[in-house]
Amino acid sequence: MLTENLALNKPAVQSSTFTSVVNFSAVLAVDGNTDQRAARNSCARTNFDPIVWWRVDLQATRNIYSIKVFYRNDSDQHGCSKDFVYGKNCDRPCPDNCLGRECHIVTGYCQECIDGRQGQQCDKCNDGFFGPNCTTHCSEFCNNVTCDSSTGECLFGCAAGFTGLQCNTRCIGGNYGENCSSDCGHCVRGKMCDHVSGLCEGGCAEGYKGQICKTPCSHGEYGKNCSQRCSSNCLNGEICNPFYGRCISCTPGWKGLLCKEGRF
């Protein structure tokens, strides 16, 4: 990949300049001379102040891909003399997943990650992936489709209708909804409800109504989906059985379980 030194020979300043027979001007950091020995008049240096800074003016708004700093490499060096290391003693290797194995010499944070990785040290998979090479998709039933980079465990729980660490198991045994924590209602003929919504295919069993068949019939109703009305011939206007419509007893002149058969 072709690169351009955007800072080359641009105006540079620093918080202070170390006084010495050697020139340590700020502009020496961008003069194109990468000799890392201070005695060659090729390095910028500040005084030993608590807070120091160095600045270059690129004289335009530019897109920067990476920054390369050549630290001193002599008996009075500051920084690491070797590439791809960091830490107080420059003895810790940069993370493998840093692009080009380049990292911050103090923190070890990557400047950029290899494909498929993210995080300060590029130790996490991109969202939606997990595994040794970050190539395995998280379960589509993970909430936010986000999972642990190593195990694939869904970090924010499962979508409705699924359970398990990786949310790959459908609700079973008459359960539905988020974390499969809700019980199915009274579906017709004992059928299981939809594992996601809890809806009963085919409607409700006798004595119940509503979308998820958990609402008992109101007074005067009975049967599947509570779609039938109790007979007006139940004795003293008593409410019939909500499942099958049976009256406890009938008014005079009527007979049968539903009190719909005339005696005469």
Protein backbone atom coordinates (compact mmCIF):
# COMPACT_ATOMS: atom_id res chain seq x y z
CA MET A 1 0.00 0.00 0.00
CA LEU A 2 1.40 3.40 -0.98
CA THR A 3 1.76 5.85 1.90
CA GLU A 4 2.49 9.56 2.10
CA ASN A 5 4.24 11.35 4.96
CA LEU A 6 1.72 14.13 5.56
CA ALA A 7 3.88 15.74 8.24
CA LEU A 8 7.08 15.98 6.19
CA ASN A 9 8.67 19.44 6.61
CA LYS A 10 5.47 20.92 8.02
CA PRO A 11 5.63 23.60 10.77
CA ALA A 12 6.15 22.00 14.20
CA VAL A 13 6.34 23.35 17.75
CA GLN A 14 6.81 21.83 21.19
CA SER A 15 6.21 22.86 24.80
CA SER A 16 9.92 23.44 25.40
CA THR A 17 13.26 22.59 23.81
CA PHE A 18 15.99 20.84 25.72
CA THR A 19 19.12 22.99 25.97
CA SER A 20 22.19 21.18 24.71
CA VAL A 21 25.04 21.41 22.24
CA VAL A 22 22.84 19.11 20.16
CA ASN A 23 19.92 20.61 18.26
CA PHE A 24 16.57 19.32 19.59
CA SER A 25 14.19 21.62 17.70
CA ALA A 26 10.61 20.46 17.13
CA VAL A 27 11.00 20.51 13.35
CA LEU A 28 13.60 17.73 13.52
CA ALA A 29 10.75 15.27 14.14
CA VAL A 30 9.34 15.91 10.67
CA ASP A 31 12.44 16.58 8.58
CA GLY A 32 12.44 13.12 7.00
CA ASN A 33 15.60 12.03 8.83
CA THR A 34 14.72 8.86 10.76
CA ASP A 35 18.14 8.42 12.39
CA GLN A 36 17.24 7.59 16.00
CA ARG A 37 20.50 8.76 17.56
CA ALA A 38 20.17 12.19 19.18
CA ALA A 39 23.79 13.10 18.59
CA ARG A 40 23.09 13.22 14.84
CA ASN A 41 20.85 16.29 15.25
CA SER A 42 17.86 14.28 14.08
CA CYS A 43 15.55 14.19 17.12
CA ALA A 44 13.20 16.63 18.83
CA ARG A 45 13.30 16.82 22.63
CA THR A 46 11.60 18.81 25.39
CA ASN A 47 12.75 19.68 28.91
CA PHE A 48 11.89 17.37 31.81
CA ASP A 49 8.62 19.13 32.59
CA PRO A 50 5.58 17.47 34.26
CA ILE A 51 3.50 18.05 31.15
CA VAL A 52 5.03 18.22 27.68
CA TRP A 53 3.66 18.28 24.16
CA TRP A 54 4.72 18.40 20.55
CA ARG A 55 2.54 19.56 17.68
CA VAL A 56 2.69 19.63 13.89
CA ASP A 57 0.49 21.71 11.58
CA LEU A 58 -0.51 19.72 8.49
CA GLN A 59 -1.85 22.98 7.00
CA ALA A 60 -4.95 21.25 5.72
CA THR A 61 -7.68 18.86 6.80
CA ARG A 62 -6.41 15.39 5.96
CA ASN A 63 -7.50 11.78 6.47
CA ILE A 64 -4.87 9.96 8.54
CA TYR A 65 -4.48 6.20 8.22
CA SER A 66 -1.71 5.67 10.79
CA ILE A 67 0.95 7.49 12.78
CA LYS A 68 4.53 6.24 12.94
CA VAL A 69 6.85 7.59 15.65
CA PHE A 70 10.59 6.91 15.58
CA TYR A 71 11.77 7.00 19.19
CA ARG A 72 15.34 7.61 20.18
CA ASN A 73 17.54 4.55 20.11
CA ASP A 74 20.62 5.49 22.08
CA SER A 75 21.79 5.41 25.70
CA ASP A 76 19.25 8.08 26.67
CA GLN A 77 16.32 6.61 24.80
CA HIS A 78 12.66 7.20 25.54
CA GLY A 79 10.35 4.65 23.99
CA CYS A 80 10.97 1.12 22.74
CA SER A 81 13.93 0.35 20.55
CA LYS A 82 12.20 -2.73 19.13
CA ASP A 83 9.09 -2.86 17.02
CA PHE A 84 5.84 -4.61 18.05
CA VAL A 85 6.40 -4.39 21.82
CA TYR A 86 5.09 -2.26 24.65
CA GLY A 87 5.23 -1.81 28.41
CA LYS A 88 7.54 -0.20 30.96
CA ASN A 89 10.43 -2.44 29.96
CA CYS A 90 9.35 -2.87 26.33
CA ASP A 91 9.13 -6.59 26.95
CA ARG A 92 5.47 -7.27 26.20
CA PRO A 93 4.54 -8.19 22.63
CA CYS A 94 1.76 -6.27 20.93
CA PRO A 95 -1.46 -8.31 20.63
CA ASP A 96 -1.52 -10.70 17.69
CA ASN A 97 -4.75 -9.19 16.41
CA CYS A 98 -3.36 -5.66 16.04
CA LEU A 99 -3.10 -4.81 12.36
CA GLY A 100 0.58 -5.01 11.49
CA ARG A 101 1.27 -5.96 15.14
CA GLU A 102 1.51 -2.24 15.93
CA CYS A 103 0.30 -1.01 19.32
CA HIS A 104 0.66 1.86 21.79
CA ILE A 105 4.01 1.52 23.60
CA VAL A 106 2.48 2.23 27.01
CA THR A 107 -0.99 0.66 26.99
CA GLY A 108 -0.63 -2.00 24.31
CA TYR A 109 -3.81 -0.74 22.64
CA CYS A 110 -3.95 -1.48 18.93
CA GLN A 111 -3.99 1.36 16.41
CA GLU A 112 -6.21 -0.79 14.23
CA CYS A 113 -7.52 -4.37 14.28
CA ILE A 114 -7.26 -7.18 11.77
CA ASP A 115 -10.49 -8.08 9.98
CA GLY A 116 -13.15 -9.52 12.23
CA ARG A 117 -11.79 -8.09 15.48
CA GLN A 118 -12.54 -5.07 17.65
CA GLY A 119 -11.69 -3.69 21.10
CA GLN A 120 -8.74 -1.76 22.46
CA GLN A 121 -6.50 -4.79 22.13
CA CYS A 122 -8.52 -6.34 19.30
CA ASP A 123 -9.42 -9.23 21.56
CA LYS A 124 -13.14 -9.24 20.79
CA CYS A 125 -15.02 -10.42 17.73
CA ASN A 126 -17.06 -8.01 15.69
CA ASP A 127 -20.68 -7.86 16.80
CA GLY A 128 -22.62 -10.90 15.66
CA PHE A 129 -19.67 -13.34 15.58
CA PHE A 130 -17.76 -15.61 17.96
CA GLY A 131 -15.19 -18.42 18.00
CA PRO A 132 -11.40 -18.74 17.67
CA ASN A 133 -11.37 -16.99 14.30
CA CYS A 134 -14.51 -14.90 14.86
CA THR A 135 -16.18 -16.58 11.89
CA THR A 136 -19.13 -18.27 13.61
CA HIS A 137 -22.38 -16.32 13.62
CA CYS A 138 -24.13 -15.66 16.92
CA SER A 139 -27.57 -17.22 17.07
CA GLU A 140 -30.16 -15.19 15.22
CA PHE A 141 -32.30 -15.61 18.33
CA CYS A 142 -29.89 -13.71 20.59
CA ASN A 143 -31.35 -10.37 21.58
CA ASN A 144 -29.43 -7.71 19.62
CA VAL A 145 -27.73 -10.65 17.81
CA THR A 146 -24.82 -10.16 20.21
CA CYS A 147 -22.95 -12.96 21.97
CA ASP A 148 -19.79 -13.69 23.93
CA SER A 149 -16.76 -13.71 21.62
CA SER A 150 -15.48 -16.98 23.06
CA THR A 151 -18.51 -19.06 24.01
CA GLY A 152 -21.29 -17.69 21.83
CA GLU A 153 -23.50 -17.20 24.90
CA CYS A 154 -26.13 -14.57 24.20
CA LEU A 155 -25.27 -11.50 26.26
CA PHE A 156 -28.72 -9.94 26.40
CA GLY A 157 -30.88 -13.02 26.64
CA CYS A 158 -32.98 -14.80 24.04
CA ALA A 159 -35.72 -13.69 21.73
CA ALA A 160 -39.21 -14.83 22.64
CA GLY A 161 -39.71 -18.53 22.04
CA PHE A 162 -36.12 -19.65 22.58
CA THR A 163 -33.88 -20.61 25.47
CA GLY A 164 -30.38 -21.97 26.23
CA LEU A 165 -27.01 -20.24 26.53
CA GLN A 166 -26.84 -19.75 22.78
CA CYS A 167 -30.63 -19.39 22.39
CA ASN A 168 -30.82 -22.27 19.93
CA THR A 169 -33.45 -24.31 21.79
CA ARG A 170 -37.15 -23.76 21.11
CA CYS A 171 -39.54 -23.60 24.04
CA ILE A 172 -40.97 -27.04 24.82
CA GLY A 173 -43.41 -28.58 27.27
CA GLY A 174 -46.18 -26.05 26.96
CA ASN A 175 -44.11 -22.92 27.46
CA TYR A 176 -43.66 -19.84 25.32
CA GLY A 177 -42.38 -16.26 25.27
CA GLU A 178 -39.25 -14.59 26.62
CA ASN A 179 -36.97 -17.14 28.31
CA CYS A 180 -39.81 -19.65 27.76
CA SER A 181 -41.16 -18.47 31.12
CA SER A 182 -44.87 -18.32 30.28
CA ASP A 183 -47.25 -21.28 30.32
CA CYS A 184 -49.50 -21.95 27.36
CA GLY A 185 -53.19 -21.30 27.85
CA HIS A 186 -56.06 -23.78 27.35
CA CYS A 187 -55.72 -24.59 23.67
CA VAL A 188 -58.38 -26.69 21.94
CA ARG A 189 -57.87 -30.47 22.22
CA GLY A 190 -54.84 -29.94 24.46
CA LYS A 191 -52.64 -28.64 21.64
CA MET A 192 -49.47 -26.71 22.41
CA CYS A 193 -49.50 -23.01 21.80
CA ASP A 194 -47.15 -21.10 19.49
CA HIS A 195 -43.72 -21.07 21.18
CA VAL A 196 -43.20 -17.39 20.43
CA SER A 197 -46.57 -15.68 20.83
CA GLY A 198 -48.53 -18.16 22.93
CA LEU A 199 -51.41 -18.14 20.44
CA CYS A 200 -53.47 -21.32 20.23
CA GLU A 201 -53.83 -22.71 16.72
CA GLY A 202 -57.45 -23.69 16.23
CA GLY A 203 -58.76 -21.64 19.14
CA CYS A 204 -59.49 -22.25 22.81
CA ALA A 205 -60.74 -25.28 24.67
CA GLU A 206 -64.14 -25.31 26.35
CA GLY A 207 -64.49 -22.70 29.06
CA TYR A 208 -61.85 -20.26 27.83
CA LYS A 209 -61.45 -17.39 25.38
CA GLY A 210 -58.98 -14.69 24.31
CA GLN A 211 -55.93 -14.71 22.06
CA ILE A 212 -53.92 -16.94 24.38
CA CYS A 213 -56.92 -18.77 25.85
CA LYS A 214 -56.31 -17.83 29.47
CA THR A 215 -59.51 -15.86 30.06
CA PRO A 216 -62.39 -17.88 31.57
CA CYS A 217 -65.82 -17.57 30.00
CA SER A 218 -67.93 -14.71 31.29
CA HIS A 219 -71.22 -15.40 33.06
CA GLY A 220 -73.69 -16.83 30.61
CA GLU A 221 -71.06 -18.15 28.19
CA TYR A 222 -69.72 -21.67 27.63
CA GLY A 223 -68.01 -23.96 25.14
CA LYS A 224 -65.01 -23.54 22.82
CA ASN A 225 -63.89 -19.92 22.70
CA CYS A 226 -66.91 -19.22 25.00
CA SER A 227 -68.95 -18.89 21.83
CA GLN A 228 -72.19 -20.41 23.20
CA ARG A 229 -74.81 -18.83 25.46
CA CYS A 230 -76.26 -20.61 28.46
CA SER A 231 -79.90 -21.66 28.11
CA SER A 232 -82.45 -19.22 29.51
CA ASN A 233 -84.22 -22.27 30.91
CA CYS A 234 -81.75 -22.88 33.71
CA LEU A 235 -83.66 -22.73 37.02
CA ASN A 236 -83.87 -19.23 38.53
CA GLY A 237 -81.55 -17.91 35.81
CA GLU A 238 -78.57 -19.80 37.24
CA ILE A 239 -75.34 -19.74 35.24
CA CYS A 240 -74.56 -22.92 33.35
CA ASN A 241 -71.36 -24.90 33.44
CA PRO A 242 -68.81 -22.82 31.43
CA PHE A 243 -67.34 -25.90 29.77
CA TYR A 244 -70.35 -27.78 28.47
CA GLY A 245 -73.33 -25.53 29.21
CA ARG A 246 -75.08 -27.87 31.68
CA CYS A 247 -77.65 -26.37 34.00
CA ILE A 248 -77.84 -27.47 37.63
CA SER A 249 -81.60 -27.79 37.17
CA CYS A 250 -84.21 -26.59 34.72
CA THR A 251 -87.22 -24.36 35.07
CA PRO A 252 -90.56 -26.19 35.06
CA GLY A 253 -91.46 -27.44 31.61
CA TRP A 254 -87.91 -28.03 30.47
CA LYS A 255 -85.49 -30.91 30.73
CA GLY A 256 -82.14 -32.18 29.44
CA LEU A 257 -78.56 -31.31 30.40
CA LEU A 258 -78.89 -27.96 28.66
CA CYS A 259 -82.54 -27.46 29.60
CA LYS A 260 -83.49 -27.08 25.97
CA GLU A 261 -85.89 -30.02 25.72
CA GLY A 262 -89.53 -29.41 26.45
CA ARG A 263 -91.33 -31.84 28.81
CA PHE A 264 -94.65 -31.67 26.93
